[in-house]
Structures are given as C-alpha cells and as structure tokens.
Amino acid sequence: MIGDAARPGPDWDDVLARHLPPGHIARLRDARVGIAGAGGLGSNCAMLLVRSGIRRLRIADPDVVDLSNLNRQFFFPGQVGRAKVDALAENLRALNPMLELELIRERLDGPAAGAFFTGCDIVAEAVDSAAAKQELVHALLAAGHGVVAASGMGGWGGDMSRRVLGRLTVVGDFAAEVGPGRPALAPRVMMAAAMQADEIIRRILEGEEK
C-alpha cells in the first residue's frame, strides 16, 4: 500500500525549515508548476519538486503505467495498468497529502497545452517525441510561460549541462537521444529530471530570465 491519504503527513514547512529560510519556503509553497508528461522525466521531476516544497502541480499525460516503465519512472509494480496521472498523484500524496494536484489524462497539442497550463509559473516539458517537444515548447513560450525542457539522455555515461535562453531552459547532453543502442535507463533519465527540477526551483527562488 502506497500510503493513506487520510492520515496527516509531515508538516513540510517544518521539514524544509532545516534547509531553507521562511521566504523561500513560502515561494515554493505558493508556486504553481505545470508538467507536460508523467513518464521518466515528468514523474521523477514531480517527485523531486514535491520533496523540495512545491505543493501545487498541474500534470498532463494520456498513458497508463506499463511494466517497461518501471526501470526509470516513479511508479511501482502494483500500479501497472493504471493511468499514469492517477498513479503519480497517489505516489506524490504519499509524500505530502496536502498537495494541490490538477490532473488531465490527455495528450496535449500546442494550443491545448497553452490553455491547460494557464496560471502556472513555469512548465516542465517531459514528452517523448522530438516533434511533440518542439511544438509544445513553442506553444508554451508563445503563451508566455517559462519552460524547462530536456534533450539528450539516452544510454549511459557522459555529462549533462543546462542552456538558459530567456524564458526557456534546456537540460541534457543535447546529443544522445533515446534510440537503438541508447536505451532509456534510470541514471541518465533521472539526471535530466533532477536538472529540470533544480532549474524550476532556481527560477522560483531567484526569478525568471526575461
């Protein structure tokens, strides 16, 4: 059993008070973050954000949990066959039952994404298809969002970095896309997800580039 949502969890202000000043805790608590995709990038990015004090998430994904996802995504064997957004919400609420989660089980094209993520301070791009990534990023930027995207996390070994381009940040190695000979494995997928979460937190705490 993942957790009992009726049971009160830890006071996350107290958890974070050992690490962050009250003003930073308040910024993280009040921010609203969008996540487009709940796979290897999106599920792990969401988990890291919740552990860091984010409480308001808007998550979109059309898929269900598959056995093949378990090597790198924030899901568990008993959740195979369930909608990813629902399973992810359950896992995140096991960390913090007081989360405000808005979920949609749909694949969002550019215009739909711009509308769904209205009101979000920043959006993590976490979809698989290169074409879908490009469309999504362009639409979100056109709608005025800050966006953190990822490119290049296939295989193993190698360094990753971030490129900050105004309201857009891209993380990854920008070369090793997932494909033949470069599988999607937990270490590098989670490295990219962690970099996305770190950039989102940085922008919330330090301010977004214009």
N, C-alpha and C. Protein backbone atom coordinates (compact mmCIF):
# COMPACT_ATOMS: atom_id res chain seq x y z
N MET A 1 0.85 -1.19 0.00
CA MET A 1 0.00 0.00 0.00
C MET A 1 0.88 1.24 0.00
N ILE A 2 0.59 2.21 -0.89
CA ILE A 2 1.45 3.38 -1.02
C ILE A 2 1.35 4.29 0.18
N GLY A 3 0.18 4.51 0.66
CA GLY A 3 0.01 5.42 1.79
C GLY A 3 -1.46 5.73 2.01
N ASP A 4 -1.77 6.25 3.14
CA ASP A 4 -3.16 6.56 3.48
C ASP A 4 -3.34 8.07 3.40
N ALA A 5 -4.07 8.53 2.38
CA ALA A 5 -4.25 9.97 2.19
C ALA A 5 -4.99 10.61 3.35
N ALA A 6 -5.76 9.79 4.11
CA ALA A 6 -6.50 10.35 5.24
C ALA A 6 -5.59 10.61 6.44
N ARG A 7 -4.45 9.95 6.48
CA ARG A 7 -3.53 10.13 7.60
C ARG A 7 -2.70 11.39 7.38
N PRO A 8 -2.63 12.29 8.34
CA PRO A 8 -1.84 13.51 8.14
C PRO A 8 -0.37 13.17 7.97
N GLY A 9 0.26 13.81 6.99
CA GLY A 9 1.68 13.60 6.75
C GLY A 9 2.51 14.58 7.55
N PRO A 10 3.81 14.63 7.27
CA PRO A 10 4.67 15.57 7.99
C PRO A 10 4.33 17.01 7.62
N ASP A 11 4.61 17.91 8.53
CA ASP A 11 4.48 19.34 8.23
C ASP A 11 5.69 19.73 7.38
N TRP A 12 5.44 19.96 6.08
CA TRP A 12 6.57 20.19 5.17
C TRP A 12 7.27 21.51 5.43
N ASP A 13 6.59 22.47 6.03
CA ASP A 13 7.29 23.69 6.44
C ASP A 13 8.36 23.35 7.48
N ASP A 14 8.01 22.45 8.42
CA ASP A 14 8.99 22.04 9.43
C ASP A 14 10.12 21.23 8.81
N VAL A 15 9.78 20.36 7.86
CA VAL A 15 10.81 19.56 7.18
C VAL A 15 11.82 20.48 6.49
N LEU A 16 11.31 21.48 5.78
CA LEU A 16 12.17 22.33 4.98
C LEU A 16 12.84 23.43 5.79
N ALA A 17 12.30 23.72 6.97
CA ALA A 17 12.88 24.79 7.80
C ALA A 17 14.32 24.50 8.20
N ARG A 18 14.72 23.24 8.15
CA ARG A 18 16.11 22.90 8.46
C ARG A 18 17.05 23.27 7.32
N HIS A 19 16.46 23.56 6.16
CA HIS A 19 17.28 23.75 4.97
C HIS A 19 17.08 25.11 4.29
N LEU A 20 15.91 25.72 4.46
CA LEU A 20 15.57 26.93 3.72
C LEU A 20 14.99 27.98 4.65
N PRO A 21 15.19 29.27 4.34
CA PRO A 21 14.56 30.33 5.13
C PRO A 21 13.07 30.41 4.84
N PRO A 22 12.29 31.04 5.73
CA PRO A 22 10.84 31.08 5.56
C PRO A 22 10.39 31.68 4.23
N GLY A 23 11.08 32.70 3.75
CA GLY A 23 10.69 33.31 2.48
C GLY A 23 10.79 32.36 1.32
N HIS A 24 11.83 31.55 1.29
CA HIS A 24 11.98 30.56 0.22
C HIS A 24 10.93 29.47 0.33
N ILE A 25 10.64 29.03 1.55
CA ILE A 25 9.60 28.01 1.74
C ILE A 25 8.27 28.52 1.22
N ALA A 26 7.96 29.78 1.49
CA ALA A 26 6.69 30.36 1.05
C ALA A 26 6.63 30.46 -0.47
N ARG A 27 7.73 30.84 -1.11
CA ARG A 27 7.74 30.92 -2.58
C ARG A 27 7.48 29.55 -3.20
N LEU A 28 8.13 28.53 -2.68
CA LEU A 28 7.93 27.19 -3.21
C LEU A 28 6.52 26.69 -2.95
N ARG A 29 6.00 26.97 -1.76
CA ARG A 29 4.66 26.53 -1.39
C ARG A 29 3.60 27.18 -2.28
N ASP A 30 3.81 28.44 -2.64
CA ASP A 30 2.79 29.20 -3.38
C ASP A 30 2.91 29.05 -4.89
N ALA A 31 4.03 28.57 -5.39
CA ALA A 31 4.22 28.44 -6.84
C ALA A 31 3.31 27.36 -7.41
N ARG A 32 2.92 27.55 -8.67
CA ARG A 32 2.17 26.52 -9.39
C ARG A 32 3.02 26.08 -10.59
N VAL A 33 3.32 24.79 -10.64
CA VAL A 33 4.20 24.24 -11.67
C VAL A 33 3.41 23.29 -12.56
N GLY A 34 3.58 23.42 -13.87
CA GLY A 34 2.97 22.51 -14.82
C GLY A 34 3.97 21.45 -15.26
N ILE A 35 3.49 20.24 -15.51
CA ILE A 35 4.34 19.17 -16.01
C ILE A 35 3.61 18.49 -17.17
N ALA A 36 4.19 18.61 -18.35
CA ALA A 36 3.61 18.02 -19.56
C ALA A 36 4.25 16.67 -19.80
N GLY A 37 3.62 15.61 -19.31
CA GLY A 37 4.16 14.27 -19.41
C GLY A 37 4.49 13.71 -18.05
N ALA A 38 4.08 12.46 -17.80
CA ALA A 38 4.30 11.83 -16.49
C ALA A 38 5.10 10.55 -16.63
N GLY A 39 6.06 10.56 -17.57
CA GLY A 39 6.92 9.40 -17.75
C GLY A 39 8.20 9.54 -16.96
N GLY A 40 9.34 9.13 -17.59
CA GLY A 40 10.61 9.15 -16.87
C GLY A 40 11.01 10.53 -16.40
N LEU A 41 10.86 11.53 -17.26
CA LEU A 41 11.18 12.90 -16.86
C LEU A 41 10.13 13.45 -15.92
N GLY A 42 8.87 13.42 -16.35
CA GLY A 42 7.82 14.09 -15.59
C GLY A 42 7.56 13.52 -14.22
N SER A 43 7.53 12.19 -14.11
CA SER A 43 7.22 11.59 -12.80
C SER A 43 8.34 11.85 -11.80
N ASN A 44 9.58 11.74 -12.25
CA ASN A 44 10.70 11.98 -11.34
C ASN A 44 10.87 13.46 -11.02
N CYS A 45 10.65 14.32 -12.01
CA CYS A 45 10.70 15.76 -11.75
C CYS A 45 9.65 16.14 -10.72
N ALA A 46 8.44 15.62 -10.86
CA ALA A 46 7.37 15.91 -9.90
C ALA A 46 7.75 15.46 -8.50
N MET A 47 8.30 14.25 -8.38
CA MET A 47 8.71 13.74 -7.07
C MET A 47 9.75 14.64 -6.43
N LEU A 48 10.74 15.07 -7.20
CA LEU A 48 11.80 15.92 -6.66
C LEU A 48 11.26 17.30 -6.27
N LEU A 49 10.33 17.82 -7.04
CA LEU A 49 9.73 19.11 -6.70
C LEU A 49 8.94 19.03 -5.39
N VAL A 50 8.16 17.95 -5.24
CA VAL A 50 7.39 17.80 -4.00
C VAL A 50 8.32 17.67 -2.80
N ARG A 51 9.40 16.91 -2.93
CA ARG A 51 10.36 16.79 -1.84
C ARG A 51 11.02 18.13 -1.52
N SER A 52 11.01 19.05 -2.49
CA SER A 52 11.66 20.35 -2.30
C SER A 52 10.70 21.43 -1.84
N GLY A 53 9.43 21.11 -1.68
CA GLY A 53 8.49 22.07 -1.13
C GLY A 53 7.42 22.57 -2.07
N ILE A 54 7.43 22.13 -3.33
CA ILE A 54 6.35 22.51 -4.25
C ILE A 54 5.09 21.75 -3.86
N ARG A 55 3.96 22.45 -3.82
CA ARG A 55 2.70 21.82 -3.40
C ARG A 55 1.61 21.88 -4.47
N ARG A 56 1.79 22.74 -5.48
CA ARG A 56 0.73 22.94 -6.47
C ARG A 56 1.25 22.52 -7.84
N LEU A 57 0.71 21.41 -8.35
CA LEU A 57 1.16 20.85 -9.62
C LEU A 57 -0.03 20.62 -10.54
N ARG A 58 0.20 20.89 -11.81
CA ARG A 58 -0.79 20.60 -12.86
C ARG A 58 -0.11 19.65 -13.84
N ILE A 59 -0.62 18.43 -13.97
CA ILE A 59 0.08 17.36 -14.68
C ILE A 59 -0.83 16.79 -15.77
N ALA A 60 -0.26 16.61 -16.97
CA ALA A 60 -0.99 16.03 -18.09
C ALA A 60 -0.23 14.86 -18.68
N ASP A 61 -0.93 13.75 -18.95
CA ASP A 61 -0.35 12.59 -19.62
C ASP A 61 -1.49 11.67 -20.04
N PRO A 62 -1.44 11.09 -21.26
CA PRO A 62 -2.55 10.24 -21.71
C PRO A 62 -2.38 8.77 -21.41
N ASP A 63 -1.21 8.35 -20.93
CA ASP A 63 -0.85 6.93 -20.92
C ASP A 63 -1.16 6.22 -19.61
N VAL A 64 -1.02 4.90 -19.65
CA VAL A 64 -1.12 4.06 -18.46
C VAL A 64 0.26 3.51 -18.13
N VAL A 65 0.45 3.12 -16.89
CA VAL A 65 1.72 2.56 -16.44
C VAL A 65 1.91 1.18 -17.08
N ASP A 66 3.09 1.00 -17.68
CA ASP A 66 3.43 -0.27 -18.32
C ASP A 66 4.61 -0.89 -17.58
N LEU A 67 4.70 -2.22 -17.65
CA LEU A 67 5.82 -2.91 -16.99
C LEU A 67 7.16 -2.34 -17.45
N SER A 68 7.26 -1.95 -18.71
CA SER A 68 8.52 -1.45 -19.24
C SER A 68 8.90 -0.09 -18.66
N ASN A 69 7.97 0.58 -18.00
CA ASN A 69 8.26 1.89 -17.41
C ASN A 69 9.00 1.80 -16.08
N LEU A 70 8.95 0.64 -15.44
CA LEU A 70 9.38 0.56 -14.04
C LEU A 70 10.88 0.70 -13.85
N ASN A 71 11.67 0.61 -14.94
CA ASN A 71 13.12 0.75 -14.79
C ASN A 71 13.55 2.19 -14.59
N ARG A 72 12.65 3.16 -14.80
CA ARG A 72 13.10 4.56 -14.75
C ARG A 72 12.02 5.55 -14.32
N GLN A 73 10.80 5.12 -14.13
CA GLN A 73 9.72 6.05 -13.81
C GLN A 73 9.26 5.85 -12.36
N PHE A 74 8.67 6.89 -11.78
CA PHE A 74 8.30 6.88 -10.37
C PHE A 74 6.95 6.18 -10.17
N PHE A 75 6.97 4.87 -10.51
CA PHE A 75 5.80 4.03 -10.34
C PHE A 75 6.24 2.69 -9.75
N PHE A 76 5.25 1.88 -9.36
CA PHE A 76 5.52 0.62 -8.68
C PHE A 76 4.76 -0.51 -9.37
N PRO A 77 5.22 -1.77 -9.19
CA PRO A 77 4.59 -2.88 -9.92
C PRO A 77 3.08 -2.97 -9.75
N GLY A 78 2.57 -2.70 -8.58
CA GLY A 78 1.13 -2.78 -8.36
C GLY A 78 0.34 -1.73 -9.10
N GLN A 79 1.01 -0.76 -9.72
CA GLN A 79 0.31 0.30 -10.45
C GLN A 79 0.26 0.06 -11.96
N VAL A 80 0.84 -1.03 -12.43
CA VAL A 80 0.81 -1.35 -13.86
C VAL A 80 -0.65 -1.44 -14.32
N GLY A 81 -0.96 -0.77 -15.43
CA GLY A 81 -2.31 -0.73 -15.97
C GLY A 81 -3.13 0.47 -15.56
N ARG A 82 -2.65 1.20 -14.56
CA ARG A 82 -3.39 2.39 -14.11
C ARG A 82 -2.97 3.62 -14.90
N ALA A 83 -3.83 4.61 -14.98
CA ALA A 83 -3.48 5.86 -15.62
C ALA A 83 -2.27 6.47 -14.90
N LYS A 84 -1.30 6.94 -15.68
CA LYS A 84 -0.10 7.49 -15.06
C LYS A 84 -0.40 8.68 -14.16
N VAL A 85 -1.30 9.55 -14.59
CA VAL A 85 -1.57 10.73 -13.76
C VAL A 85 -2.16 10.33 -12.41
N ASP A 86 -3.01 9.30 -12.41
CA ASP A 86 -3.61 8.86 -11.14
C ASP A 86 -2.60 8.17 -10.25
N ALA A 87 -1.77 7.30 -10.84
CA ALA A 87 -0.75 6.60 -10.06
C ALA A 87 0.28 7.58 -9.51
N LEU A 88 0.67 8.55 -10.33
CA LEU A 88 1.64 9.54 -9.87
C LEU A 88 1.06 10.38 -8.74
N ALA A 89 -0.20 10.77 -8.87
CA ALA A 89 -0.84 11.55 -7.80
C ALA A 89 -0.83 10.77 -6.49
N GLU A 90 -1.10 9.47 -6.56
CA GLU A 90 -1.09 8.64 -5.36
C GLU A 90 0.30 8.64 -4.72
N ASN A 91 1.33 8.49 -5.55
CA ASN A 91 2.69 8.43 -5.02
C ASN A 91 3.13 9.76 -4.44
N LEU A 92 2.74 10.84 -5.09
CA LEU A 92 3.12 12.17 -4.59
C LEU A 92 2.39 12.49 -3.28
N ARG A 93 1.13 12.09 -3.20
CA ARG A 93 0.38 12.35 -1.96
C ARG A 93 0.87 11.49 -0.81
N ALA A 94 1.54 10.37 -1.12
CA ALA A 94 2.15 9.59 -0.06
C ALA A 94 3.29 10.37 0.60
N LEU A 95 3.92 11.27 -0.16
CA LEU A 95 4.94 12.16 0.38
C LEU A 95 4.32 13.32 1.14
N ASN A 96 3.31 13.95 0.52
CA ASN A 96 2.66 15.11 1.12
C ASN A 96 1.17 15.07 0.80
N PRO A 97 0.34 14.66 1.75
CA PRO A 97 -1.10 14.58 1.50
C PRO A 97 -1.76 15.93 1.22
N MET A 98 -1.06 17.03 1.50
CA MET A 98 -1.65 18.37 1.37
C MET A 98 -1.42 18.99 0.00
N LEU A 99 -0.97 18.22 -0.95
CA LEU A 99 -0.72 18.74 -2.29
C LEU A 99 -2.02 19.20 -2.96
N GLU A 100 -1.89 20.20 -3.83
CA GLU A 100 -2.98 20.61 -4.73
C GLU A 100 -2.60 20.12 -6.12
N LEU A 101 -3.26 19.06 -6.59
CA LEU A 101 -2.93 18.45 -7.87
C LEU A 101 -4.11 18.60 -8.83
N GLU A 102 -3.80 19.07 -10.04
CA GLU A 102 -4.77 19.11 -11.12
C GLU A 102 -4.26 18.17 -12.21
N LEU A 103 -5.10 17.20 -12.59
CA LEU A 103 -4.66 16.13 -13.47
C LEU A 103 -5.54 16.07 -14.71
N ILE A 104 -4.92 15.78 -15.85
CA ILE A 104 -5.69 15.56 -17.06
C ILE A 104 -5.06 14.39 -17.81
N ARG A 105 -5.90 13.42 -18.16
CA ARG A 105 -5.41 12.24 -18.88
C ARG A 105 -5.61 12.47 -20.38
N GLU A 106 -4.78 13.33 -20.93
CA GLU A 106 -4.85 13.66 -22.36
C GLU A 106 -3.46 14.00 -22.87
N ARG A 107 -3.27 13.76 -24.17
CA ARG A 107 -2.06 14.23 -24.84
C ARG A 107 -2.34 15.64 -25.33
N LEU A 108 -1.56 16.59 -24.89
CA LEU A 108 -1.84 17.99 -25.20
C LEU A 108 -1.07 18.44 -26.43
N ASP A 109 -1.79 18.95 -27.44
CA ASP A 109 -1.10 19.62 -28.53
C ASP A 109 -0.76 21.04 -28.08
N GLY A 110 -0.11 21.80 -28.95
CA GLY A 110 0.35 23.13 -28.55
C GLY A 110 -0.73 24.02 -27.98
N PRO A 111 -1.83 24.29 -28.73
CA PRO A 111 -2.88 25.18 -28.20
C PRO A 111 -3.51 24.67 -26.91
N ALA A 112 -3.75 23.36 -26.83
CA ALA A 112 -4.36 22.82 -25.62
C ALA A 112 -3.43 22.96 -24.43
N ALA A 113 -2.12 22.79 -24.66
CA ALA A 113 -1.16 22.94 -23.57
C ALA A 113 -1.12 24.36 -23.07
N GLY A 114 -1.13 25.32 -24.00
CA GLY A 114 -1.13 26.72 -23.59
C GLY A 114 -2.31 27.05 -22.69
N ALA A 115 -3.48 26.46 -23.00
CA ALA A 115 -4.68 26.71 -22.20
C ALA A 115 -4.63 25.97 -20.87
N PHE A 116 -4.23 24.69 -20.89
CA PHE A 116 -4.25 23.88 -19.67
C PHE A 116 -3.29 24.43 -18.62
N PHE A 117 -2.15 24.95 -19.05
CA PHE A 117 -1.14 25.41 -18.10
C PHE A 117 -1.27 26.91 -17.78
N THR A 118 -2.37 27.52 -18.18
CA THR A 118 -2.60 28.92 -17.81
C THR A 118 -2.54 29.07 -16.29
N GLY A 119 -1.80 30.06 -15.82
CA GLY A 119 -1.67 30.29 -14.38
C GLY A 119 -0.48 29.60 -13.76
N CYS A 120 0.22 28.75 -14.51
CA CYS A 120 1.41 28.10 -13.97
C CYS A 120 2.60 29.05 -14.06
N ASP A 121 3.41 29.07 -13.02
CA ASP A 121 4.60 29.92 -13.01
C ASP A 121 5.63 29.44 -14.03
N ILE A 122 5.73 28.13 -14.20
CA ILE A 122 6.70 27.53 -15.11
C ILE A 122 6.22 26.13 -15.45
N VAL A 123 6.61 25.63 -16.64
CA VAL A 123 6.15 24.32 -17.11
C VAL A 123 7.36 23.47 -17.47
N ALA A 124 7.37 22.22 -17.01
CA ALA A 124 8.39 21.25 -17.42
C ALA A 124 7.89 20.50 -18.64
N GLU A 125 8.65 20.52 -19.71
CA GLU A 125 8.36 19.73 -20.90
C GLU A 125 8.92 18.34 -20.67
N ALA A 126 8.08 17.31 -20.71
CA ALA A 126 8.52 15.96 -20.37
C ALA A 126 7.85 14.93 -21.27
N VAL A 127 7.86 15.20 -22.59
CA VAL A 127 7.25 14.27 -23.55
C VAL A 127 8.36 13.55 -24.32
N ASP A 128 7.99 12.47 -25.01
CA ASP A 128 8.99 11.61 -25.66
C ASP A 128 9.35 12.05 -27.07
N SER A 129 8.37 12.38 -27.87
CA SER A 129 8.59 12.66 -29.29
C SER A 129 9.29 14.00 -29.50
N ALA A 130 10.32 14.01 -30.36
CA ALA A 130 11.04 15.25 -30.65
C ALA A 130 10.12 16.28 -31.28
N ALA A 131 9.25 15.83 -32.20
CA ALA A 131 8.31 16.76 -32.84
C ALA A 131 7.33 17.33 -31.82
N ALA A 132 6.84 16.47 -30.92
CA ALA A 132 5.91 16.94 -29.89
C ALA A 132 6.60 17.92 -28.94
N LYS A 133 7.86 17.64 -28.61
CA LYS A 133 8.63 18.56 -27.76
C LYS A 133 8.67 19.94 -28.38
N GLN A 134 9.04 20.00 -29.66
CA GLN A 134 9.19 21.28 -30.34
C GLN A 134 7.89 22.05 -30.37
N GLU A 135 6.81 21.35 -30.74
CA GLU A 135 5.50 22.00 -30.79
C GLU A 135 5.10 22.52 -29.42
N LEU A 136 5.30 21.70 -28.40
CA LEU A 136 4.90 22.05 -27.05
C LEU A 136 5.69 23.26 -26.54
N VAL A 137 7.00 23.23 -26.73
CA VAL A 137 7.83 24.33 -26.26
C VAL A 137 7.44 25.64 -26.94
N HIS A 138 7.27 25.60 -28.25
CA HIS A 138 6.91 26.81 -28.98
C HIS A 138 5.57 27.37 -28.50
N ALA A 139 4.59 26.49 -28.30
CA ALA A 139 3.27 26.94 -27.87
C ALA A 139 3.31 27.52 -26.46
N LEU A 140 4.06 26.88 -25.57
CA LEU A 140 4.13 27.36 -24.19
C LEU A 140 4.85 28.72 -24.12
N LEU A 141 5.92 28.86 -24.89
CA LEU A 141 6.61 30.15 -24.91
C LEU A 141 5.71 31.23 -25.49
N ALA A 142 4.98 30.90 -26.56
CA ALA A 142 4.08 31.87 -27.17
C ALA A 142 2.98 32.29 -26.20
N ALA A 143 2.59 31.37 -25.30
CA ALA A 143 1.56 31.69 -24.31
C ALA A 143 2.12 32.44 -23.11
N GLY A 144 3.43 32.69 -23.10
CA GLY A 144 4.03 33.48 -22.04
C GLY A 144 4.61 32.70 -20.89
N HIS A 145 4.66 31.37 -21.00
CA HIS A 145 5.18 30.55 -19.91
C HIS A 145 6.71 30.52 -19.90
N GLY A 146 7.29 30.32 -18.72
CA GLY A 146 8.65 29.84 -18.63
C GLY A 146 8.63 28.34 -18.83
N VAL A 147 9.64 27.80 -19.53
CA VAL A 147 9.65 26.38 -19.89
C VAL A 147 11.02 25.79 -19.57
N VAL A 148 11.02 24.59 -19.00
CA VAL A 148 12.25 23.82 -18.80
C VAL A 148 12.10 22.52 -19.57
N ALA A 149 12.90 22.36 -20.62
CA ALA A 149 12.83 21.20 -21.50
C ALA A 149 14.07 20.34 -21.33
N ALA A 150 14.05 19.15 -21.94
CA ALA A 150 15.19 18.24 -21.85
C ALA A 150 15.49 17.67 -23.22
N SER A 151 16.79 17.48 -23.50
CA SER A 151 17.22 16.93 -24.78
C SER A 151 18.52 16.16 -24.60
N GLY A 152 18.49 14.85 -24.85
CA GLY A 152 19.71 14.05 -24.80
C GLY A 152 19.93 13.41 -23.45
N MET A 153 19.40 12.18 -23.28
CA MET A 153 19.58 11.47 -22.01
C MET A 153 19.64 9.96 -22.22
N GLY A 154 19.88 9.53 -23.47
CA GLY A 154 19.90 8.12 -23.76
C GLY A 154 21.20 7.44 -23.33
N GLY A 155 21.13 6.15 -23.06
CA GLY A 155 22.31 5.36 -22.78
C GLY A 155 22.89 5.59 -21.41
N TRP A 156 24.23 5.61 -21.35
CA TRP A 156 24.93 5.75 -20.07
C TRP A 156 26.21 6.54 -20.29
N GLY A 157 26.73 7.10 -19.22
CA GLY A 157 27.98 7.87 -19.30
C GLY A 157 27.75 9.24 -19.92
N GLY A 158 28.74 10.12 -19.74
CA GLY A 158 28.66 11.45 -20.34
C GLY A 158 28.09 12.49 -19.41
N ASP A 159 28.41 13.71 -19.71
CA ASP A 159 27.99 14.84 -18.89
C ASP A 159 26.71 15.46 -19.42
N MET A 160 26.04 16.20 -18.55
CA MET A 160 24.88 16.98 -18.92
C MET A 160 25.09 18.42 -18.47
N SER A 161 24.41 19.34 -19.13
CA SER A 161 24.51 20.75 -18.77
C SER A 161 23.16 21.41 -19.02
N ARG A 162 23.08 22.70 -18.74
CA ARG A 162 21.85 23.44 -18.99
C ARG A 162 22.16 24.66 -19.85
N ARG A 163 21.23 24.99 -20.71
CA ARG A 163 21.32 26.19 -21.53
C ARG A 163 20.13 27.07 -21.21
N VAL A 164 20.39 28.25 -20.71
CA VAL A 164 19.34 29.20 -20.34
C VAL A 164 19.19 30.20 -21.47
N LEU A 165 18.01 30.22 -22.07
CA LEU A 165 17.73 31.06 -23.24
C LEU A 165 16.48 31.89 -22.93
N GLY A 166 16.64 32.90 -22.09
CA GLY A 166 15.49 33.69 -21.68
C GLY A 166 14.52 32.86 -20.87
N ARG A 167 13.26 32.79 -21.32
CA ARG A 167 12.24 32.03 -20.59
C ARG A 167 12.35 30.53 -20.80
N LEU A 168 13.25 30.10 -21.68
CA LEU A 168 13.44 28.67 -21.95
C LEU A 168 14.79 28.20 -21.41
N THR A 169 14.76 27.10 -20.68
CA THR A 169 15.99 26.38 -20.31
C THR A 169 15.89 24.97 -20.85
N VAL A 170 16.99 24.51 -21.46
CA VAL A 170 17.06 23.12 -21.94
C VAL A 170 18.19 22.43 -21.19
N VAL A 171 17.92 21.24 -20.67
CA VAL A 171 18.93 20.45 -19.96
C VAL A 171 19.17 19.14 -20.70
N GLY A 172 20.33 18.53 -20.47
CA GLY A 172 20.68 17.27 -21.09
C GLY A 172 22.06 17.35 -21.70
N ASP A 173 22.39 16.38 -22.56
CA ASP A 173 23.68 16.47 -23.26
C ASP A 173 23.50 16.95 -24.70
N PHE A 174 22.23 17.14 -25.14
CA PHE A 174 21.88 17.71 -26.43
C PHE A 174 22.32 16.84 -27.61
N ALA A 175 22.62 15.57 -27.36
CA ALA A 175 23.10 14.69 -28.43
C ALA A 175 22.54 13.28 -28.33
N ALA A 176 22.63 12.65 -27.17
CA ALA A 176 22.33 11.22 -27.03
C ALA A 176 20.84 11.00 -26.83
N GLU A 177 20.07 11.11 -27.91
CA GLU A 177 18.65 10.83 -27.81
C GLU A 177 18.42 9.33 -27.60
N VAL A 178 17.33 8.99 -26.95
CA VAL A 178 16.99 7.59 -26.74
C VAL A 178 16.72 6.93 -28.09
N GLY A 179 17.32 5.75 -28.30
CA GLY A 179 17.14 5.04 -29.56
C GLY A 179 17.95 3.76 -29.54
N PRO A 180 18.10 3.11 -30.69
CA PRO A 180 18.88 1.88 -30.76
C PRO A 180 20.29 2.07 -30.21
N GLY A 181 20.68 1.21 -29.28
CA GLY A 181 21.99 1.32 -28.66
C GLY A 181 22.07 2.36 -27.57
N ARG A 182 21.03 3.16 -27.39
CA ARG A 182 21.00 4.19 -26.35
C ARG A 182 19.66 4.09 -25.62
N PRO A 183 19.48 3.07 -24.79
CA PRO A 183 18.19 2.87 -24.12
C PRO A 183 17.93 3.96 -23.07
N ALA A 184 16.67 4.05 -22.69
CA ALA A 184 16.27 4.94 -21.60
C ALA A 184 16.48 4.20 -20.29
N LEU A 185 17.55 4.55 -19.57
CA LEU A 185 17.89 3.91 -18.30
C LEU A 185 17.76 4.92 -17.17
N ALA A 186 17.51 4.40 -15.97
CA ALA A 186 17.20 5.27 -14.84
C ALA A 186 18.25 6.34 -14.56
N PRO A 187 19.56 6.02 -14.55
CA PRO A 187 20.51 7.06 -14.10
C PRO A 187 20.46 8.34 -14.92
N ARG A 188 20.52 8.22 -16.26
CA ARG A 188 20.57 9.46 -17.06
C ARG A 188 19.20 10.11 -17.20
N VAL A 189 18.13 9.31 -17.25
CA VAL A 189 16.80 9.90 -17.28
C VAL A 189 16.56 10.69 -15.99
N MET A 190 16.95 10.11 -14.86
CA MET A 190 16.74 10.80 -13.59
C MET A 190 17.69 11.99 -13.43
N MET A 191 18.89 11.91 -14.03
CA MET A 191 19.78 13.07 -14.04
C MET A 191 19.10 14.25 -14.72
N ALA A 192 18.51 13.99 -15.89
CA ALA A 192 17.84 15.06 -16.62
C ALA A 192 16.63 15.58 -15.85
N ALA A 193 15.85 14.68 -15.25
CA ALA A 193 14.69 15.10 -14.45
C ALA A 193 15.13 15.93 -13.25
N ALA A 194 16.24 15.53 -12.63
CA ALA A 194 16.75 16.30 -11.48
C ALA A 194 17.21 17.68 -11.91
N MET A 195 17.83 17.78 -13.09
CA MET A 195 18.25 19.08 -13.59
C MET A 195 17.05 19.96 -13.90
N GLN A 196 15.99 19.35 -14.44
CA GLN A 196 14.77 20.12 -14.67
C GLN A 196 14.20 20.65 -13.36
N ALA A 197 14.10 19.78 -12.36
CA ALA A 197 13.56 20.21 -11.07
C ALA A 197 14.42 21.29 -10.44
N ASP A 198 15.74 21.14 -10.54
CA ASP A 198 16.65 22.13 -9.98
C ASP A 198 16.48 23.48 -10.67
N GLU A 199 16.31 23.48 -11.99
CA GLU A 199 16.14 24.74 -12.72
C GLU A 199 14.81 25.39 -12.37
N ILE A 200 13.76 24.58 -12.21
CA ILE A 200 12.47 25.13 -11.80
C ILE A 200 12.58 25.80 -10.43
N ILE A 201 13.23 25.12 -9.49
CA ILE A 201 13.40 25.69 -8.16
C ILE A 201 14.25 26.95 -8.22
N ARG A 202 15.31 26.93 -9.01
CA ARG A 202 16.16 28.12 -9.15
C ARG A 202 15.35 29.31 -9.66
N ARG A 203 14.53 29.08 -10.67
CA ARG A 203 13.76 30.18 -11.24
C ARG A 203 12.72 30.72 -10.26
N ILE A 204 12.11 29.82 -9.48
CA ILE A 204 11.13 30.27 -8.49
C ILE A 204 11.81 31.08 -7.39
N LEU A 205 12.98 30.65 -6.95
CA LEU A 205 13.64 31.32 -5.84
C LEU A 205 14.45 32.53 -6.25
N GLU A 206 14.97 32.53 -7.47
CA GLU A 206 15.85 33.63 -7.90
C GLU A 206 15.19 34.57 -8.90
N GLY A 207 14.09 34.13 -9.52
CA GLY A 207 13.45 34.96 -10.53
C GLY A 207 13.76 34.45 -11.92
N GLU A 208 12.83 34.66 -12.83
CA GLU A 208 12.91 34.12 -14.18
C GLU A 208 13.59 35.12 -15.10
N GLU A 209 14.47 34.60 -16.00
CA GLU A 209 15.10 35.45 -17.01
C GLU A 209 14.03 35.98 -17.96
N LYS A 210 14.23 37.19 -18.39
CA LYS A 210 13.28 37.81 -19.33
C LYS A 210 13.82 37.72 -20.75
